[in-house]
């Protein structure tokens, strides 16, 4: 029984670590997307905007897409959803590489 408990604990630790890494990757992706979007909108507060997106309020892709769509519209910038989604995917890959390169 002890070995089953140890195995369960190991899986739980592994799962927790994976969730932590996933959170960090999404936050990094959101920051990168924020910098890209801020430049496209002509915002002068790119770092502040990136921090705002990375704060976790729009951590899921559909929420981030909706937020970006609203912000682009408010700024009077026309960007297709497909372009935003492509950039989000590209920057998710970059964020993953960045995180694993540092680890």
PDB file of N, CA and C in Angstrom:
ATOM      1  N   UNK A   1       0.805  -1.195   0.000  1.00  0.00           N
ATOM      2  CA  UNK A   1       0.000   0.000   0.000  1.00  0.00           C
ATOM      3  C   UNK A   1       0.850   1.261   0.000  1.00  0.00           C
ATOM      4  N   UNK A   2       1.968   1.214   0.676  1.00  0.00           N
ATOM      5  CA  UNK A   2       2.827   2.386   0.763  1.00  0.00           C
ATOM      6  C   UNK A   2       3.330   2.812  -0.618  1.00  0.00           C
ATOM      7  N   UNK A   3       3.656   1.831  -1.463  1.00  0.00           N
ATOM      8  CA  UNK A   3       4.153   2.175  -2.797  1.00  0.00           C
ATOM      9  C   UNK A   3       3.047   2.809  -3.649  1.00  0.00           C
ATOM     10  N   UNK A   4       1.798   2.402  -3.449  1.00  0.00           N
ATOM     11  CA  UNK A   4       0.690   3.030  -4.165  1.00  0.00           C
ATOM     12  C   UNK A   4       0.521   4.482  -3.730  1.00  0.00           C
ATOM     13  N   UNK A   5       0.664   4.730  -2.457  1.00  0.00           N
ATOM     14  CA  UNK A   5       0.570   6.096  -1.924  1.00  0.00           C
ATOM     15  C   UNK A   5       1.698   6.964  -2.486  1.00  0.00           C
ATOM     16  N   UNK A   6       2.895   6.406  -2.522  1.00  0.00           N
ATOM     17  CA  UNK A   6       4.038   7.144  -3.067  1.00  0.00           C
ATOM     18  C   UNK A   6       3.828   7.458  -4.549  1.00  0.00           C
ATOM     19  N   UNK A   7       3.293   6.482  -5.269  1.00  0.00           N
ATOM     20  CA  UNK A   7       3.044   6.681  -6.695  1.00  0.00           C
ATOM     21  C   UNK A   7       1.977   7.762  -6.905  1.00  0.00           C
ATOM     22  N   UNK A   8       0.922   7.703  -6.107  1.00  0.00           N
ATOM     23  CA  UNK A   8      -0.133   8.714  -6.201  1.00  0.00           C
ATOM     24  C   UNK A   8       0.416  10.100  -5.883  1.00  0.00           C
ATOM     25  N   UNK A   9       1.249  10.183  -4.862  1.00  0.00           N
ATOM     26  CA  UNK A   9       1.860  11.467  -4.501  1.00  0.00           C
ATOM     27  C   UNK A   9       2.744  11.990  -5.629  1.00  0.00           C
ATOM     28  N   UNK A  10       3.470  11.082  -6.274  1.00  0.00           N
ATOM     29  CA  UNK A  10       4.341  11.477  -7.380  1.00  0.00           C
ATOM     30  C   UNK A  10       3.522  12.016  -8.552  1.00  0.00           C
ATOM     31  N   UNK A  11       2.422  11.339  -8.873  1.00  0.00           N
ATOM     32  CA  UNK A  11       1.557  11.817  -9.954  1.00  0.00           C
ATOM     33  C   UNK A  11       0.937  13.166  -9.618  1.00  0.00           C
ATOM     34  N   UNK A  12       0.549  13.334  -8.365  1.00  0.00           N
ATOM     35  CA  UNK A  12      -0.032  14.600  -7.935  1.00  0.00           C
ATOM     36  C   UNK A  12       0.985  15.735  -8.050  1.00  0.00           C
ATOM     37  N   UNK A  13       2.207  15.463  -7.649  1.00  0.00           N
ATOM     38  CA  UNK A  13       3.272  16.472  -7.758  1.00  0.00           C
ATOM     39  C   UNK A  13       3.554  16.816  -9.215  1.00  0.00           C
ATOM     40  N   UNK A  14       3.580  15.791 -10.056  1.00  0.00           N
ATOM     41  CA  UNK A  14       3.824  16.011 -11.475  1.00  0.00           C
ATOM     42  C   UNK A  14       2.702  16.849 -12.090  1.00  0.00           C
ATOM     43  N   UNK A  15       1.466  16.530 -11.740  1.00  0.00           N
ATOM     44  CA  UNK A  15       0.324  17.283 -12.258  1.00  0.00           C
ATOM     45  C   UNK A  15       0.398  18.747 -11.818  1.00  0.00           C
ATOM     46  N   UNK A  16       0.710  18.965 -10.550  1.00  0.00           N
ATOM     47  CA  UNK A  16       0.806  20.332 -10.028  1.00  0.00           C
ATOM     48  C   UNK A  16       1.895  21.108 -10.769  1.00  0.00           C
ATOM     49  N   UNK A  17       3.020  20.472 -11.023  1.00  0.00           N
ATOM     50  CA  UNK A  17       4.121  21.123 -11.743  1.00  0.00           C
ATOM     51  C   UNK A  17       3.705  21.469 -13.173  1.00  0.00           C
ATOM     52  N   UNK A  18       3.002  20.528 -13.829  1.00  0.00           N
ATOM     53  CA  UNK A  18       2.544  20.781 -15.192  1.00  0.00           C
ATOM     54  C   UNK A  18       1.564  21.951 -15.246  1.00  0.00           C
ATOM     55  N   UNK A  19       0.670  22.027 -14.271  1.00  0.00           N
ATOM     56  CA  UNK A  19      -0.296  23.122 -14.230  1.00  0.00           C
ATOM     57  C   UNK A  19       0.405  24.465 -13.995  1.00  0.00           C
ATOM     58  N   UNK A  20       1.420  24.447 -13.143  1.00  0.00           N
ATOM     59  CA  UNK A  20       2.190  25.663 -12.887  1.00  0.00           C
ATOM     60  C   UNK A  20       2.901  26.135 -14.157  1.00  0.00           C
ATOM     61  N   UNK A  21       3.507  25.191 -14.878  1.00  0.00           N
ATOM     62  CA  UNK A  21       4.192  25.541 -16.123  1.00  0.00           C
ATOM     63  C   UNK A  21       3.206  26.061 -17.165  1.00  0.00           C
ATOM     64  N   UNK A  22       2.045  25.423 -17.249  1.00  0.00           N
ATOM     65  CA  UNK A  22       1.030  25.860 -18.199  1.00  0.00           C
ATOM     66  C   UNK A  22       0.571  27.283 -17.890  1.00  0.00           C
ATOM     67  N   UNK A  23       0.379  27.579 -16.620  1.00  0.00           N
ATOM     68  CA  UNK A  23      -0.008  28.933 -16.215  1.00  0.00           C
ATOM     69  C   UNK A  23       1.064  29.943 -16.627  1.00  0.00           C
ATOM     70  N   UNK A  24       2.323  29.597 -16.388  1.00  0.00           N
ATOM     71  CA  UNK A  24       3.418  30.504 -16.739  1.00  0.00           C
ATOM     72  C   UNK A  24       3.514  30.717 -18.246  1.00  0.00           C
ATOM     73  N   UNK A  25       3.312  29.638 -19.011  1.00  0.00           N
ATOM     74  CA  UNK A  25       3.366  29.749 -20.467  1.00  0.00           C
ATOM     75  C   UNK A  25       2.247  30.658 -20.970  1.00  0.00           C
ATOM     76  N   UNK A  26       1.037  30.473 -20.444  1.00  0.00           N
ATOM     77  CA  UNK A  26      -0.086  31.312 -20.877  1.00  0.00           C
ATOM     78  C   UNK A  26       0.132  32.774 -20.502  1.00  0.00           C
ATOM     79  N   UNK A  27       0.660  33.008 -19.319  1.00  0.00           N
ATOM     80  CA  UNK A  27       0.932  34.386 -18.900  1.00  0.00           C
ATOM     81  C   UNK A  27       1.982  35.016 -19.808  1.00  0.00           C
ATOM     82  N   UNK A  28       3.019  34.256 -20.144  1.00  0.00           N
ATOM     83  CA  UNK A  28       4.068  34.761 -21.047  1.00  0.00           C
ATOM     84  C   UNK A  28       3.486  35.030 -22.430  1.00  0.00           C
ATOM     85  N   UNK A  29       2.658  34.091 -22.922  1.00  0.00           N
ATOM     86  CA  UNK A  29       2.008  34.293 -24.226  1.00  0.00           C
ATOM     87  C   UNK A  29       1.175  35.567 -24.216  1.00  0.00           C
ATOM     88  N   UNK A  30       0.402  35.763 -23.159  1.00  0.00           N
ATOM     89  CA  UNK A  30      -0.448  36.947 -23.076  1.00  0.00           C
ATOM     90  C   UNK A  30       0.371  38.231 -23.078  1.00  0.00           C
ATOM     91  N   UNK A  31       1.509  38.208 -22.397  1.00  0.00           N
ATOM     92  CA  UNK A  31       2.381  39.388 -22.391  1.00  0.00           C
ATOM     93  C   UNK A  31       2.932  39.661 -23.790  1.00  0.00           C
ATOM     94  N   UNK A  32       3.353  38.610 -24.479  1.00  0.00           N
ATOM     95  CA  UNK A  32       3.873  38.777 -25.838  1.00  0.00           C
ATOM     96  C   UNK A  32       2.781  39.271 -26.784  1.00  0.00           C
ATOM     97  N   UNK A  33       1.589  38.700 -26.664  1.00  0.00           N
ATOM     98  CA  UNK A  33       0.461  39.140 -27.483  1.00  0.00           C
ATOM     99  C   UNK A  33       0.133  40.598 -27.166  1.00  0.00           C
ATOM    100  N   UNK A  34       0.212  40.949 -25.899  1.00  0.00           N
ATOM    101  CA  UNK A  34      -0.063  42.322 -25.496  1.00  0.00           C
ATOM    102  C   UNK A  34       0.897  43.310 -26.122  1.00  0.00           C
ATOM    103  N   UNK A  35       2.172  42.954 -26.183  1.00  0.00           N
ATOM    104  CA  UNK A  35       3.159  43.847 -26.811  1.00  0.00           C
ATOM    105  C   UNK A  35       2.872  44.005 -28.305  1.00  0.00           C
ATOM    106  N   UNK A  36       2.557  42.879 -28.955  1.00  0.00           N
ATOM    107  CA  UNK A  36       2.227  42.919 -30.381  1.00  0.00           C
ATOM    108  C   UNK A  36       0.992  43.785 -30.620  1.00  0.00           C
ATOM    109  N   UNK A  37      -0.063  43.536 -29.841  1.00  0.00           N
ATOM    110  CA  UNK A  37      -1.319  44.265 -30.015  1.00  0.00           C
ATOM    111  C   UNK A  37      -1.135  45.752 -29.721  1.00  0.00           C
ATOM    112  N   UNK A  38      -0.387  46.069 -28.685  1.00  0.00           N
ATOM    113  CA  UNK A  38      -0.153  47.476 -28.336  1.00  0.00           C
ATOM    114  C   UNK A  38       0.541  48.202 -29.483  1.00  0.00           C
ATOM    115  N   UNK A  39       1.514  47.550 -30.090  1.00  0.00           N
ATOM    116  CA  UNK A  39       2.208  48.161 -31.229  1.00  0.00           C
ATOM    117  C   UNK A  39       1.249  48.344 -32.403  1.00  0.00           C
ATOM    118  N   UNK A  40       0.411  47.345 -32.653  1.00  0.00           N
ATOM    119  CA  UNK A  40      -0.541  47.424 -33.765  1.00  0.00           C
ATOM    120  C   UNK A  40      -1.584  48.515 -33.535  1.00  0.00           C
ATOM    121  N   UNK A  41      -1.920  48.770 -32.276  1.00  0.00           N
ATOM    122  CA  UNK A  41      -2.910  49.799 -31.948  1.00  0.00           C
ATOM    123  C   UNK A  41      -2.274  51.177 -31.785  1.00  0.00           C
ATOM    124  N   UNK A  42      -0.948  51.229 -31.794  1.00  0.00           N
ATOM    125  CA  UNK A  42      -0.257  52.495 -31.605  1.00  0.00           C
ATOM    126  C   UNK A  42      -0.286  52.979 -30.166  1.00  0.00           C
ATOM    127  N   UNK A  43      -0.407  52.051 -29.232  1.00  0.00           N
ATOM    128  CA  UNK A  43      -0.446  52.426 -27.809  1.00  0.00           C
ATOM    129  C   UNK A  43       0.961  52.760 -27.330  1.00  0.00           C
ATOM    130  N   UNK A  44       1.059  53.723 -26.446  1.00  0.00           N
ATOM    131  CA  UNK A  44       2.360  54.102 -25.893  1.00  0.00           C
ATOM    132  C   UNK A  44       2.673  53.347 -24.609  1.00  0.00           C
ATOM    133  N   UNK A  45       1.679  52.666 -24.051  1.00  0.00           N
ATOM    134  CA  UNK A  45       1.859  51.939 -22.790  1.00  0.00           C
ATOM    135  C   UNK A  45       1.937  50.429 -23.020  1.00  0.00           C
ATOM    136  N   UNK A  46       2.778  50.009 -23.950  1.00  0.00           N
ATOM    137  CA  UNK A  46       2.852  48.602 -24.338  1.00  0.00           C
ATOM    138  C   UNK A  46       3.139  47.681 -23.157  1.00  0.00           C
ATOM    139  N   UNK A  47       4.072  48.056 -22.305  1.00  0.00           N
ATOM    140  CA  UNK A  47       4.416  47.187 -21.169  1.00  0.00           C
ATOM    141  C   UNK A  47       3.267  47.086 -20.173  1.00  0.00           C
ATOM    142  N   UNK A  48       2.597  48.190 -19.916  1.00  0.00           N
ATOM    143  CA  UNK A  48       1.449  48.170 -19.015  1.00  0.00           C
ATOM    144  C   UNK A  48       0.319  47.327 -19.577  1.00  0.00           C
ATOM    145  N   UNK A  49       0.082  47.460 -20.875  1.00  0.00           N
ATOM    146  CA  UNK A  49      -0.959  46.668 -21.535  1.00  0.00           C
ATOM    147  C   UNK A  49      -0.595  45.187 -21.496  1.00  0.00           C
ATOM    148  N   UNK A  50       0.673  44.871 -21.751  1.00  0.00           N
ATOM    149  CA  UNK A  50       1.134  43.479 -21.707  1.00  0.00           C
ATOM    150  C   UNK A  50       0.966  42.903 -20.303  1.00  0.00           C
ATOM    151  N   UNK A  51       1.318  43.686 -19.289  1.00  0.00           N
ATOM    152  CA  UNK A  51       1.148  43.229 -17.897  1.00  0.00           C
ATOM    153  C   UNK A  51      -0.319  42.980 -17.575  1.00  0.00           C
ATOM    154  N   UNK A  52      -1.168  43.856 -18.079  1.00  0.00           N
ATOM    155  CA  UNK A  52      -2.603  43.708 -17.841  1.00  0.00           C
ATOM    156  C   UNK A  52      -3.117  42.398 -18.443  1.00  0.00           C
ATOM    157  N   UNK A  53      -2.712  42.095 -19.666  1.00  0.00           N
ATOM    158  CA  UNK A  53      -3.145  40.847 -20.294  1.00  0.00           C
ATOM    159  C   UNK A  53      -2.537  39.626 -19.608  1.00  0.00           C
ATOM    160  N   UNK A  54      -1.333  39.761 -19.100  1.00  0.00           N
ATOM    161  CA  UNK A  54      -0.660  38.636 -18.447  1.00  0.00           C
ATOM    162  C   UNK A  54      -1.168  38.390 -17.038  1.00  0.00           C
ATOM    163  N   UNK A  55      -1.968  39.302 -16.517  1.00  0.00           N
ATOM    164  CA  UNK A  55      -2.410  39.188 -15.124  1.00  0.00           C
ATOM    165  C   UNK A  55      -3.339  38.010 -14.879  1.00  0.00           C
ATOM    166  N   UNK A  56      -3.791  37.356 -15.927  1.00  0.00           N
ATOM    167  CA  UNK A  56      -4.593  36.157 -15.746  1.00  0.00           C
ATOM    168  C   UNK A  56      -6.080  36.338 -15.939  1.00  0.00           C
ATOM    169  N   UNK A  57      -6.548  37.547 -16.149  1.00  0.00           N
ATOM    170  CA  UNK A  57      -7.976  37.791 -16.350  1.00  0.00           C
ATOM    171  C   UNK A  57      -8.465  37.158 -17.657  1.00  0.00           C
ATOM    172  N   UNK A  58      -7.603  37.112 -18.651  1.00  0.00           N
ATOM    173  CA  UNK A  58      -7.969  36.562 -19.963  1.00  0.00           C
ATOM    174  C   UNK A  58      -7.043  35.408 -20.301  1.00  0.00           C
ATOM    175  N   UNK A  59      -6.960  34.436 -19.399  1.00  0.00           N
ATOM    176  CA  UNK A  59      -6.001  33.356 -19.576  1.00  0.00           C
ATOM    177  C   UNK A  59      -6.436  32.321 -20.613  1.00  0.00           C
ATOM    178  N   UNK A  60      -7.732  32.154 -20.799  1.00  0.00           N
ATOM    179  CA  UNK A  60      -8.214  31.194 -21.788  1.00  0.00           C
ATOM    180  C   UNK A  60      -8.242  31.853 -23.165  1.00  0.00           C
ATOM    181  N   UNK A  61      -7.934  31.077 -24.217  1.00  0.00           N
ATOM    182  CA  UNK A  61      -7.830  31.669 -25.557  1.00  0.00           C
ATOM    183  C   UNK A  61      -9.067  32.452 -26.002  1.00  0.00           C
ATOM    184  N   UNK A  62     -10.262  31.934 -25.745  1.00  0.00           N
ATOM    185  CA  UNK A  62     -11.466  32.637 -26.204  1.00  0.00           C
ATOM    186  C   UNK A  62     -11.654  33.960 -25.470  1.00  0.00           C
ATOM    187  N   UNK A  63     -11.252  34.017 -24.207  1.00  0.00           N
ATOM    188  CA  UNK A  63     -11.356  35.274 -23.459  1.00  0.00           C
ATOM    189  C   UNK A  63     -10.319  36.287 -23.946  1.00  0.00           C
ATOM    190  N   UNK A  64      -9.120  35.794 -24.215  1.00  0.00           N
ATOM    191  CA  UNK A  64      -8.073  36.678 -24.728  1.00  0.00           C
ATOM    192  C   UNK A  64      -8.464  37.221 -26.097  1.00  0.00           C
ATOM    193  N   UNK A  65      -8.983  36.346 -26.954  1.00  0.00           N
ATOM    194  CA  UNK A  65      -9.424  36.778 -28.281  1.00  0.00           C
ATOM    195  C   UNK A  65     -10.509  37.843 -28.171  1.00  0.00           C
ATOM    196  N   UNK A  66     -11.476  37.626 -27.296  1.00  0.00           N
ATOM    197  CA  UNK A  66     -12.558  38.600 -27.113  1.00  0.00           C
ATOM    198  C   UNK A  66     -12.016  39.938 -26.609  1.00  0.00           C
ATOM    199  N   UNK A  67     -11.117  39.882 -25.656  1.00  0.00           N
ATOM    200  CA  UNK A  67     -10.520  41.111 -25.110  1.00  0.00           C
ATOM    201  C   UNK A  67      -9.767  41.871 -26.200  1.00  0.00           C
ATOM    202  N   UNK A  68      -8.966  41.145 -26.979  1.00  0.00           N
ATOM    203  CA  UNK A  68      -8.202  41.789 -28.045  1.00  0.00           C
ATOM    204  C   UNK A  68      -9.128  42.370 -29.106  1.00  0.00           C
ATOM    205  N   UNK A  69     -10.159  41.622 -29.458  1.00  0.00           N
ATOM    206  CA  UNK A  69     -11.122  42.097 -30.448  1.00  0.00           C
ATOM    207  C   UNK A  69     -11.741  43.421 -29.982  1.00  0.00           C
ATOM    208  N   UNK A  70     -12.138  43.476 -28.723  1.00  0.00           N
ATOM    209  CA  UNK A  70     -12.733  44.704 -28.178  1.00  0.00           C
ATOM    210  C   UNK A  70     -11.732  45.857 -28.170  1.00  0.00           C
ATOM    211  N   UNK A  71     -10.503  45.559 -27.765  1.00  0.00           N
ATOM    212  CA  UNK A  71      -9.484  46.612 -27.693  1.00  0.00           C
ATOM    213  C   UNK A  71      -9.111  47.139 -29.080  1.00  0.00           C
ATOM    214  N   UNK A  72      -8.993  46.226 -30.054  1.00  0.00           N
ATOM    215  CA  UNK A  72      -8.701  46.675 -31.421  1.00  0.00           C
ATOM    216  C   UNK A  72      -9.843  47.540 -31.953  1.00  0.00           C
ATOM    217  N   UNK A  73     -11.067  47.109 -31.703  1.00  0.00           N
ATOM    218  CA  UNK A  73     -12.228  47.876 -32.164  1.00  0.00           C
ATOM    219  C   UNK A  73     -12.261  49.259 -31.517  1.00  0.00           C
ATOM    220  N   UNK A  74     -12.007  49.311 -30.214  1.00  0.00           N
ATOM    221  CA  UNK A  74     -12.005  50.594 -29.499  1.00  0.00           C
ATOM    222  C   UNK A  74     -10.915  51.525 -30.024  1.00  0.00           C
ATOM    223  N   UNK A  75      -9.804  50.936 -30.479  1.00  0.00           N
ATOM    224  CA  UNK A  75      -8.698  51.737 -31.010  1.00  0.00           C
ATOM    225  C   UNK A  75      -8.904  52.094 -32.481  1.00  0.00           C
ATOM    226  N   UNK A  76      -9.969  51.557 -33.083  1.00  0.00           N
ATOM    227  CA  UNK A  76     -10.234  51.843 -34.489  1.00  0.00           C
ATOM    228  C   UNK A  76      -9.317  51.103 -35.438  1.00  0.00           C
ATOM    229  N   UNK A  77      -8.789  49.965 -34.982  1.00  0.00           N
ATOM    230  CA  UNK A  77      -7.875  49.169 -35.799  1.00  0.00           C
ATOM    231  C   UNK A  77      -8.605  47.907 -36.243  1.00  0.00           C
ATOM    232  N   UNK A  78      -8.587  47.644 -37.541  1.00  0.00           N
ATOM    233  CA  UNK A  78      -9.261  46.470 -38.087  1.00  0.00           C
ATOM    234  C   UNK A  78      -8.273  45.307 -38.196  1.00  0.00           C
ATOM    235  N   UNK A  79      -8.536  44.267 -37.414  1.00  0.00           N
ATOM    236  CA  UNK A  79      -7.707  43.065 -37.447  1.00  0.00           C
ATOM    237  C   UNK A  79      -8.653  41.871 -37.462  1.00  0.00           C
ATOM    238  N   UNK A  80      -8.422  40.940 -38.375  1.00  0.00           N
ATOM    239  CA  UNK A  80      -9.269  39.751 -38.468  1.00  0.00           C
ATOM    240  C   UNK A  80      -8.993  38.818 -37.292  1.00  0.00           C
ATOM    241  N   UNK A  81     -10.039  38.104 -36.875  1.00  0.00           N
ATOM    242  CA  UNK A  81      -9.878  37.120 -35.808  1.00  0.00           C
ATOM    243  C   UNK A  81      -8.818  36.089 -36.168  1.00  0.00           C
ATOM    244  N   UNK A  82      -8.780  35.697 -37.437  1.00  0.00           N
ATOM    245  CA  UNK A  82      -7.808  34.687 -37.862  1.00  0.00           C
ATOM    246  C   UNK A  82      -6.376  35.184 -37.668  1.00  0.00           C
ATOM    247  N   UNK A  83      -6.150  36.483 -37.868  1.00  0.00           N
ATOM    248  CA  UNK A  83      -4.814  37.045 -37.656  1.00  0.00           C
ATOM    249  C   UNK A  83      -4.457  37.047 -36.168  1.00  0.00           C
ATOM    250  N   UNK A  84      -5.429  37.414 -35.335  1.00  0.00           N
ATOM    251  CA  UNK A  84      -5.195  37.406 -33.885  1.00  0.00           C
ATOM    252  C   UNK A  84      -4.916  35.983 -33.413  1.00  0.00           C
ATOM    253  N   UNK A  85      -5.726  35.029 -33.878  1.00  0.00           N
ATOM    254  CA  UNK A  85      -5.547  33.634 -33.471  1.00  0.00           C
ATOM    255  C   UNK A  85      -4.198  33.089 -33.926  1.00  0.00           C
ATOM    256  N   UNK A  86      -3.800  33.428 -35.148  1.00  0.00           N
ATOM    257  CA  UNK A  86      -2.501  32.972 -35.652  1.00  0.00           C
ATOM    258  C   UNK A  86      -1.367  33.536 -34.799  1.00  0.00           C
ATOM    259  N   UNK A  87      -1.470  34.810 -34.440  1.00  0.00           N
ATOM    260  CA  UNK A  87      -0.437  35.431 -33.611  1.00  0.00           C
ATOM    261  C   UNK A  87      -0.419  34.797 -32.225  1.00  0.00           C
ATOM    262  N   UNK A  88      -1.601  34.509 -31.675  1.00  0.00           N
ATOM    263  CA  UNK A  88      -1.681  33.865 -30.357  1.00  0.00           C
ATOM    264  C   UNK A  88      -1.001  32.497 -30.388  1.00  0.00           C
ATOM    265  N   UNK A  89      -1.230  31.737 -31.457  1.00  0.00           N
ATOM    266  CA  UNK A  89      -0.618  30.411 -31.588  1.00  0.00           C
ATOM    267  C   UNK A  89       0.893  30.529 -31.723  1.00  0.00           C
ATOM    268  N   UNK A  90       1.333  31.428 -32.575  1.00  0.00           N
ATOM    269  CA  UNK A  90       2.768  31.651 -32.781  1.00  0.00           C
ATOM    270  C   UNK A  90       3.453  32.049 -31.470  1.00  0.00           C
ATOM    271  N   UNK A  91       2.825  32.944 -30.738  1.00  0.00           N
ATOM    272  CA  UNK A  91       3.438  33.439 -29.505  1.00  0.00           C
ATOM    273  C   UNK A  91       3.312  32.445 -28.355  1.00  0.00           C
ATOM    274  N   UNK A  92       2.327  31.546 -28.416  1.00  0.00           N
ATOM    275  CA  UNK A  92       2.261  30.458 -27.435  1.00  0.00           C
ATOM    276  C   UNK A  92       3.463  29.536 -27.612  1.00  0.00           C
ATOM    277  N   UNK A  93       3.783  29.239 -28.867  1.00  0.00           N
ATOM    278  CA  UNK A  93       4.967  28.421 -29.150  1.00  0.00           C
ATOM    279  C   UNK A  93       6.231  29.113 -28.657  1.00  0.00           C
ATOM    280  N   UNK A  94       6.343  30.404 -28.926  1.00  0.00           N
ATOM    281  CA  UNK A  94       7.514  31.156 -28.473  1.00  0.00           C
ATOM    282  C   UNK A  94       7.595  31.184 -26.954  1.00  0.00           C
ATOM    283  N   UNK A  95       6.464  31.380 -26.286  1.00  0.00           N
ATOM    284  CA  UNK A  95       6.440  31.416 -24.818  1.00  0.00           C
ATOM    285  C   UNK A  95       6.873  30.079 -24.234  1.00  0.00           C
ATOM    286  N   UNK A  96       6.429  28.993 -24.860  1.00  0.00           N
ATOM    287  CA  UNK A  96       6.818  27.654 -24.400  1.00  0.00           C
ATOM    288  C   UNK A  96       8.319  27.462 -24.546  1.00  0.00           C
ATOM    289  N   UNK A  97       8.852  27.839 -25.698  1.00  0.00           N
ATOM    290  CA  UNK A  97      10.297  27.732 -25.916  1.00  0.00           C
ATOM    291  C   UNK A  97      11.068  28.585 -24.916  1.00  0.00           C
ATOM    292  N   UNK A  98      10.612  29.807 -24.694  1.00  0.00           N
ATOM    293  CA  UNK A  98      11.275  30.709 -23.744  1.00  0.00           C
ATOM    294  C   UNK A  98      11.316  30.098 -22.350  1.00  0.00           C
ATOM    295  N   UNK A  99      10.198  29.549 -21.923  1.00  0.00           N
ATOM    296  CA  UNK A  99      10.110  28.989 -20.574  1.00  0.00           C
ATOM    297  C   UNK A  99      11.022  27.779 -20.410  1.00  0.00           C
ATOM    298  N   UNK A 100      11.014  26.898 -21.400  1.00  0.00           N
ATOM    299  CA  UNK A 100      11.837  25.700 -21.285  1.00  0.00           C
ATOM    300  C   UNK A 100      13.317  25.996 -21.487  1.00  0.00           C
ATOM    301  N   UNK A 101      13.622  27.062 -22.209  1.00  0.00           N
ATOM    302  CA  UNK A 101      15.014  27.461 -22.380  1.00  0.00           C
ATOM    303  C   UNK A 101      15.585  27.964 -21.054  1.00  0.00           C
ATOM    304  N   UNK A 102      14.725  28.654 -20.267  1.00  0.00           N
ATOM    305  CA  UNK A 102      15.153  29.187 -18.967  1.00  0.00           C
ATOM    306  C   UNK A 102      15.254  28.104 -17.901  1.00  0.00           C
ATOM    307  N   UNK A 103      14.450  27.066 -18.043  1.00  0.00           N
ATOM    308  CA  UNK A 103      14.396  26.021 -16.998  1.00  0.00           C
ATOM    309  C   UNK A 103      15.601  25.122 -17.004  1.00  0.00           C
TER     310      UNK A 103
END
